[in-house]
Amino acid sequence: MFTAVDQLPKTARKLLEGSWAQTFYDEYFSKIDEKVSSVLYSDKKSDPNTPANILMGFETLKSGFG
C-alpha cells in the first residue's frame, strides 16, 4: 500500500524522516488505541467519523504548540 509519503521526492522524504513529525508519528500517533474511544463512533454509514488518533494527535499538538 502506498502512502502520501511514498509520493514525495527523495529529498522531501528525507527531510520529513529527519523532522519532529516522524518522531511524533513513531512515538505517539501510531500508538494511540482507537478502540478506547470506539463507543463515541456512530454505526450509521452516513454519519462522519473522524478517526480518534487524528483528533487526539491534533489536541496533543495544539497543547504543545499553544
PDB file of N, CA and C in Angstrom:
ATOM      1  N   MET A   1       0.841  -1.170   0.000  1.00  0.00           N
ATOM      2  CA  MET A   1       0.000   0.000   0.000  1.00  0.00           C
ATOM      3  C   MET A   1       0.893   1.242   0.000  1.00  0.00           C
ATOM      4  N   PHE A   2       0.555   2.192  -0.841  1.00  0.00           N
ATOM      5  CA  PHE A   2       1.321   3.425  -0.938  1.00  0.00           C
ATOM      6  C   PHE A   2       0.692   4.508  -0.080  1.00  0.00           C
ATOM      7  N   THR A   3       1.529   5.332   0.502  1.00  0.00           N
ATOM      8  CA  THR A   3       1.058   6.457   1.306  1.00  0.00           C
ATOM      9  C   THR A   3       1.464   7.757   0.628  1.00  0.00           C
ATOM     10  N   ALA A   4       0.995   8.863   1.173  1.00  0.00           N
ATOM     11  CA  ALA A   4       1.357  10.173   0.632  1.00  0.00           C
ATOM     12  C   ALA A   4       2.868  10.396   0.724  1.00  0.00           C
ATOM     13  N   VAL A   5       3.483   9.844   1.746  1.00  0.00           N
ATOM     14  CA  VAL A   5       4.934   9.991   1.915  1.00  0.00           C
ATOM     15  C   VAL A   5       5.672   9.312   0.770  1.00  0.00           C
ATOM     16  N   ASP A   6       5.154   8.194   0.299  1.00  0.00           N
ATOM     17  CA  ASP A   6       5.782   7.477  -0.808  1.00  0.00           C
ATOM     18  C   ASP A   6       5.776   8.295  -2.093  1.00  0.00           C
ATOM     19  N   GLN A   7       4.868   9.236  -2.197  1.00  0.00           N
ATOM     20  CA  GLN A   7       4.742  10.061  -3.394  1.00  0.00           C
ATOM     21  C   GLN A   7       5.715  11.245  -3.395  1.00  0.00           C
ATOM     22  N   LEU A   8       6.334  11.524  -2.260  1.00  0.00           N
ATOM     23  CA  LEU A   8       7.250  12.660  -2.153  1.00  0.00           C
ATOM     24  C   LEU A   8       8.567  12.384  -2.871  1.00  0.00           C
ATOM     25  N   PRO A   9       9.200  13.443  -3.375  1.00  0.00           N
ATOM     26  CA  PRO A   9      10.556  13.269  -3.920  1.00  0.00           C
ATOM     27  C   PRO A   9      11.509  12.823  -2.808  1.00  0.00           C
ATOM     28  N   LYS A  10      12.610  12.189  -3.184  1.00  0.00           N
ATOM     29  CA  LYS A  10      13.551  11.652  -2.193  1.00  0.00           C
ATOM     30  C   LYS A  10      14.033  12.710  -1.209  1.00  0.00           C
ATOM     31  N   THR A  11      14.339  13.905  -1.694  1.00  0.00           N
ATOM     32  CA  THR A  11      14.853  14.946  -0.795  1.00  0.00           C
ATOM     33  C   THR A  11      13.802  15.365   0.224  1.00  0.00           C
ATOM     34  N   ALA A  12      12.557  15.507  -0.206  1.00  0.00           N
ATOM     35  CA  ALA A  12      11.480  15.885   0.718  1.00  0.00           C
ATOM     36  C   ALA A  12      11.220  14.769   1.720  1.00  0.00           C
ATOM     37  N   ARG A  13      11.260  13.524   1.259  1.00  0.00           N
ATOM     38  CA  ARG A  13      11.049  12.383   2.148  1.00  0.00           C
ATOM     39  C   ARG A  13      12.151  12.313   3.205  1.00  0.00           C
ATOM     40  N   LYS A  14      13.375  12.583   2.800  1.00  0.00           N
ATOM     41  CA  LYS A  14      14.498  12.555   3.742  1.00  0.00           C
ATOM     42  C   LYS A  14      14.350  13.656   4.793  1.00  0.00           C
ATOM     43  N   LEU A  15      13.917  14.846   4.380  1.00  0.00           N
ATOM     44  CA  LEU A  15      13.680  15.935   5.328  1.00  0.00           C
ATOM     45  C   LEU A  15      12.579  15.573   6.314  1.00  0.00           C
ATOM     46  N   LEU A  16      11.512  14.973   5.809  1.00  0.00           N
ATOM     47  CA  LEU A  16      10.398  14.577   6.668  1.00  0.00           C
ATOM     48  C   LEU A  16      10.834  13.526   7.681  1.00  0.00           C
ATOM     49  N   GLU A  17      11.568  12.543   7.211  1.00  0.00           N
ATOM     50  CA  GLU A  17      12.013  11.464   8.097  1.00  0.00           C
ATOM     51  C   GLU A  17      12.949  11.968   9.190  1.00  0.00           C
ATOM     52  N   GLY A  18      13.653  13.069   8.953  1.00  0.00           N
ATOM     53  CA  GLY A  18      14.554  13.623   9.953  1.00  0.00           C
ATOM     54  C   GLY A  18      13.918  14.690  10.823  1.00  0.00           C
ATOM     55  N   SER A  19      12.645  14.953  10.621  1.00  0.00           N
ATOM     56  CA  SER A  19      11.975  16.024  11.362  1.00  0.00           C
ATOM     57  C   SER A  19      11.255  15.482  12.597  1.00  0.00           C
ATOM     58  N   TRP A  20      10.723  16.400  13.394  1.00  0.00           N
ATOM     59  CA  TRP A  20       9.959  16.024  14.583  1.00  0.00           C
ATOM     60  C   TRP A  20       8.680  15.276  14.201  1.00  0.00           C
ATOM     61  N   ALA A  21       8.182  15.513  12.988  1.00  0.00           N
ATOM     62  CA  ALA A  21       6.930  14.879  12.564  1.00  0.00           C
ATOM     63  C   ALA A  21       7.060  13.357  12.529  1.00  0.00           C
ATOM     64  N   GLN A  22       8.196  12.866  12.074  1.00  0.00           N
ATOM     65  CA  GLN A  22       8.404  11.416  12.029  1.00  0.00           C
ATOM     66  C   GLN A  22       8.472  10.840  13.437  1.00  0.00           C
ATOM     67  N   THR A  23       9.155  11.535  14.326  1.00  0.00           N
ATOM     68  CA  THR A  23       9.240  11.094  15.719  1.00  0.00           C
ATOM     69  C   THR A  23       7.866  11.101  16.368  1.00  0.00           C
ATOM     70  N   PHE A  24       7.092  12.154  16.121  1.00  0.00           N
ATOM     71  CA  PHE A  24       5.733  12.244  16.661  1.00  0.00           C
ATOM     72  C   PHE A  24       4.897  11.063  16.179  1.00  0.00           C
ATOM     73  N   TYR A  25       4.997  10.744  14.904  1.00  0.00           N
ATOM     74  CA  TYR A  25       4.242   9.616  14.349  1.00  0.00           C
ATOM     75  C   TYR A  25       4.691   8.296  14.977  1.00  0.00           C
ATOM     76  N   ASP A  26       5.994   8.070  15.012  1.00  0.00           N
ATOM     77  CA  ASP A  26       6.524   6.796  15.514  1.00  0.00           C
ATOM     78  C   ASP A  26       6.271   6.593  17.006  1.00  0.00           C
ATOM     79  N   GLU A  27       6.485   7.633  17.793  1.00  0.00           N
ATOM     80  CA  GLU A  27       6.446   7.510  19.251  1.00  0.00           C
ATOM     81  C   GLU A  27       5.073   7.756  19.877  1.00  0.00           C
ATOM     82  N   TYR A  28       4.191   8.448  19.178  1.00  0.00           N
ATOM     83  CA  TYR A  28       2.908   8.803  19.793  1.00  0.00           C
ATOM     84  C   TYR A  28       1.708   8.425  18.921  1.00  0.00           C
ATOM     85  N   PHE A  29       1.625   9.013  17.752  1.00  0.00           N
ATOM     86  CA  PHE A  29       0.443   8.885  16.904  1.00  0.00           C
ATOM     87  C   PHE A  29       0.110   7.435  16.557  1.00  0.00           C
ATOM     88  N   SER A  30       1.103   6.675  16.156  1.00  0.00           N
ATOM     89  CA  SER A  30       0.848   5.290  15.737  1.00  0.00           C
ATOM     90  C   SER A  30       0.505   4.367  16.905  1.00  0.00           C
ATOM     91  N   LYS A  31       0.707   4.842  18.144  1.00  0.00           N
ATOM     92  CA  LYS A  31       0.429   4.015  19.321  1.00  0.00           C
ATOM     93  C   LYS A  31      -0.904   4.340  19.989  1.00  0.00           C
ATOM     94  N   ILE A  32      -1.659   5.290  19.431  1.00  0.00           N
ATOM     95  CA  ILE A  32      -2.954   5.638  20.007  1.00  0.00           C
ATOM     96  C   ILE A  32      -3.931   4.498  19.736  1.00  0.00           C
ATOM     97  N   ASP A  33      -4.541   3.981  20.782  1.00  0.00           N
ATOM     98  CA  ASP A  33      -5.501   2.882  20.667  1.00  0.00           C
ATOM     99  C   ASP A  33      -6.898   3.450  20.435  1.00  0.00           C
ATOM    100  N   GLU A  34      -7.393   3.324  19.216  1.00  0.00           N
ATOM    101  CA  GLU A  34      -8.707   3.866  18.878  1.00  0.00           C
ATOM    102  C   GLU A  34      -9.850   3.051  19.472  1.00  0.00           C
ATOM    103  N   LYS A  35      -9.583   1.847  19.915  1.00  0.00           N
ATOM    104  CA  LYS A  35     -10.644   1.017  20.497  1.00  0.00           C
ATOM    105  C   LYS A  35     -11.213   1.649  21.764  1.00  0.00           C
ATOM    106  N   VAL A  36     -10.378   2.391  22.479  1.00  0.00           N
ATOM    107  CA  VAL A  36     -10.810   3.043  23.717  1.00  0.00           C
ATOM    108  C   VAL A  36     -11.952   4.021  23.448  1.00  0.00           C
ATOM    109  N   SER A  37     -11.891   4.715  22.336  1.00  0.00           N
ATOM    110  CA  SER A  37     -12.909   5.722  22.027  1.00  0.00           C
ATOM    111  C   SER A  37     -13.955   5.223  21.031  1.00  0.00           C
ATOM    112  N   SER A  38     -13.987   3.940  20.755  1.00  0.00           N
ATOM    113  CA  SER A  38     -14.921   3.406  19.759  1.00  0.00           C
ATOM    114  C   SER A  38     -16.385   3.598  20.146  1.00  0.00           C
ATOM    115  N   VAL A  39     -16.665   3.747  21.440  1.00  0.00           N
ATOM    116  CA  VAL A  39     -18.053   3.966  21.871  1.00  0.00           C
ATOM    117  C   VAL A  39     -18.579   5.315  21.388  1.00  0.00           C
ATOM    118  N   LEU A  40     -17.693   6.213  21.003  1.00  0.00           N
ATOM    119  CA  LEU A  40     -18.102   7.529  20.512  1.00  0.00           C
ATOM    120  C   LEU A  40     -18.476   7.517  19.035  1.00  0.00           C
ATOM    121  N   TYR A  41     -18.143   6.449  18.331  1.00  0.00           N
ATOM    122  CA  TYR A  41     -18.402   6.365  16.898  1.00  0.00           C
ATOM    123  C   TYR A  41     -19.841   5.974  16.617  1.00  0.00           C
ATOM    124  N   SER A  42     -20.327   6.418  15.489  1.00  0.00           N
ATOM    125  CA  SER A  42     -21.663   6.047  15.038  1.00  0.00           C
ATOM    126  C   SER A  42     -21.563   4.802  14.161  1.00  0.00           C
ATOM    127  N   ASP A  43     -22.544   3.923  14.274  1.00  0.00           N
ATOM    128  CA  ASP A  43     -22.591   2.736  13.423  1.00  0.00           C
ATOM    129  C   ASP A  43     -23.232   3.026  12.073  1.00  0.00           C
ATOM    130  N   LYS A  44     -23.884   4.167  11.949  1.00  0.00           N
ATOM    131  CA  LYS A  44     -24.535   4.533  10.693  1.00  0.00           C
ATOM    132  C   LYS A  44     -23.482   4.891   9.654  1.00  0.00           C
ATOM    133  N   LYS A  45     -23.657   4.361   8.452  1.00  0.00           N
ATOM    134  CA  LYS A  45     -22.702   4.600   7.372  1.00  0.00           C
ATOM    135  C   LYS A  45     -22.702   6.060   6.919  1.00  0.00           C
ATOM    136  N   SER A  46     -23.805   6.767   7.104  1.00  0.00           N
ATOM    137  CA  SER A  46     -23.905   8.139   6.606  1.00  0.00           C
ATOM    138  C   SER A  46     -23.302   9.169   7.553  1.00  0.00           C
ATOM    139  N   ASP A  47     -23.045   8.794   8.796  1.00  0.00           N
ATOM    140  CA  ASP A  47     -22.500   9.751   9.761  1.00  0.00           C
ATOM    141  C   ASP A  47     -20.979   9.827   9.637  1.00  0.00           C
ATOM    142  N   PRO A  48     -20.440  11.041   9.637  1.00  0.00           N
ATOM    143  CA  PRO A  48     -18.978  11.157   9.547  1.00  0.00           C
ATOM    144  C   PRO A  48     -18.317  10.750  10.859  1.00  0.00           C
ATOM    145  N   ASN A  49     -17.253  10.022  10.763  1.00  0.00           N
ATOM    146  CA  ASN A  49     -16.467   9.605  11.924  1.00  0.00           C
ATOM    147  C   ASN A  49     -15.008   9.960  11.660  1.00  0.00           C
ATOM    148  N   THR A  50     -14.524  10.967  12.344  1.00  0.00           N
ATOM    149  CA  THR A  50     -13.108  11.308  12.241  1.00  0.00           C
ATOM    150  C   THR A  50     -12.335  10.353  13.141  1.00  0.00           C
ATOM    151  N   PRO A  51     -11.284   9.719  12.621  1.00  0.00           N
ATOM    152  CA  PRO A  51     -10.522   8.783  13.450  1.00  0.00           C
ATOM    153  C   PRO A  51     -10.019   9.427  14.736  1.00  0.00           C
ATOM    154  N   ALA A  52     -10.132   8.696  15.821  1.00  0.00           N
ATOM    155  CA  ALA A  52      -9.756   9.213  17.137  1.00  0.00           C
ATOM    156  C   ALA A  52      -8.281   9.571  17.208  1.00  0.00           C
ATOM    157  N   ASN A  53      -7.426   8.805  16.529  1.00  0.00           N
ATOM    158  CA  ASN A  53      -5.998   9.116  16.604  1.00  0.00           C
ATOM    159  C   ASN A  53      -5.687  10.473  15.976  1.00  0.00           C
ATOM    160  N   ILE A  54      -6.436  10.858  14.958  1.00  0.00           N
ATOM    161  CA  ILE A  54      -6.239  12.176  14.351  1.00  0.00           C
ATOM    162  C   ILE A  54      -6.677  13.268  15.315  1.00  0.00           C
ATOM    163  N   LEU A  55      -7.843  13.105  15.924  1.00  0.00           N
ATOM    164  CA  LEU A  55      -8.324  14.111  16.873  1.00  0.00           C
ATOM    165  C   LEU A  55      -7.393  14.236  18.077  1.00  0.00           C
ATOM    166  N   MET A  56      -6.952  13.103  18.618  1.00  0.00           N
ATOM    167  CA  MET A  56      -6.050  13.137  19.769  1.00  0.00           C
ATOM    168  C   MET A  56      -4.685  13.704  19.393  1.00  0.00           C
ATOM    169  N   GLY A  57      -4.223  13.382  18.212  1.00  0.00           N
ATOM    170  CA  GLY A  57      -2.951  13.930  17.747  1.00  0.00           C
ATOM    171  C   GLY A  57      -3.009  15.436  17.596  1.00  0.00           C
ATOM    172  N   PHE A  58      -4.113  15.947  17.016  1.00  0.00           N
ATOM    173  CA  PHE A  58      -4.285  17.397  16.878  1.00  0.00           C
ATOM    174  C   PHE A  58      -4.322  18.077  18.238  1.00  0.00           C
ATOM    175  N   GLU A  59      -5.045  17.495  19.177  1.00  0.00           N
ATOM    176  CA  GLU A  59      -5.130  18.087  20.516  1.00  0.00           C
ATOM    177  C   GLU A  59      -3.766  18.102  21.205  1.00  0.00           C
ATOM    178  N   THR A  60      -2.996  17.050  21.016  1.00  0.00           N
ATOM    179  CA  THR A  60      -1.659  16.993  21.600  1.00  0.00           C
ATOM    180  C   THR A  60      -0.764  18.069  20.998  1.00  0.00           C
ATOM    181  N   LEU A  61      -0.803  18.201  19.672  1.00  0.00           N
ATOM    182  CA  LEU A  61      -0.002  19.235  19.019  1.00  0.00           C
ATOM    183  C   LEU A  61      -0.450  20.626  19.448  1.00  0.00           C
ATOM    184  N   LYS A  62      -1.760  20.814  19.542  1.00  0.00           N
ATOM    185  CA  LYS A  62      -2.297  22.116  19.940  1.00  0.00           C
ATOM    186  C   LYS A  62      -1.821  22.490  21.339  1.00  0.00           C
ATOM    187  N   SER A  63      -1.859  21.549  22.255  1.00  0.00           N
ATOM    188  CA  SER A  63      -1.442  21.847  23.627  1.00  0.00           C
ATOM    189  C   SER A  63       0.070  22.056  23.721  1.00  0.00           C
ATOM    190  N   GLY A  64       0.814  21.403  22.854  1.00  0.00           N
ATOM    191  CA  GLY A  64       2.262  21.551  22.879  1.00  0.00           C
ATOM    192  C   GLY A  64       2.770  22.815  22.214  1.00  0.00           C
ATOM    193  N   PHE A  65       2.047  23.270  21.193  1.00  0.00           N
ATOM    194  CA  PHE A  65       2.481  24.450  20.451  1.00  0.00           C
ATOM    195  C   PHE A  65       1.648  25.685  20.760  1.00  0.00           C
ATOM    196  N   GLY A  66       0.654  25.534  21.633  1.00  0.00           N
ATOM    197  CA  GLY A  66      -0.163  26.647  22.097  1.00  0.00           C
ATOM    198  C   GLY A  66      -1.082  27.167  21.094  1.00  0.00           C
TER     199      GLY A  66
END
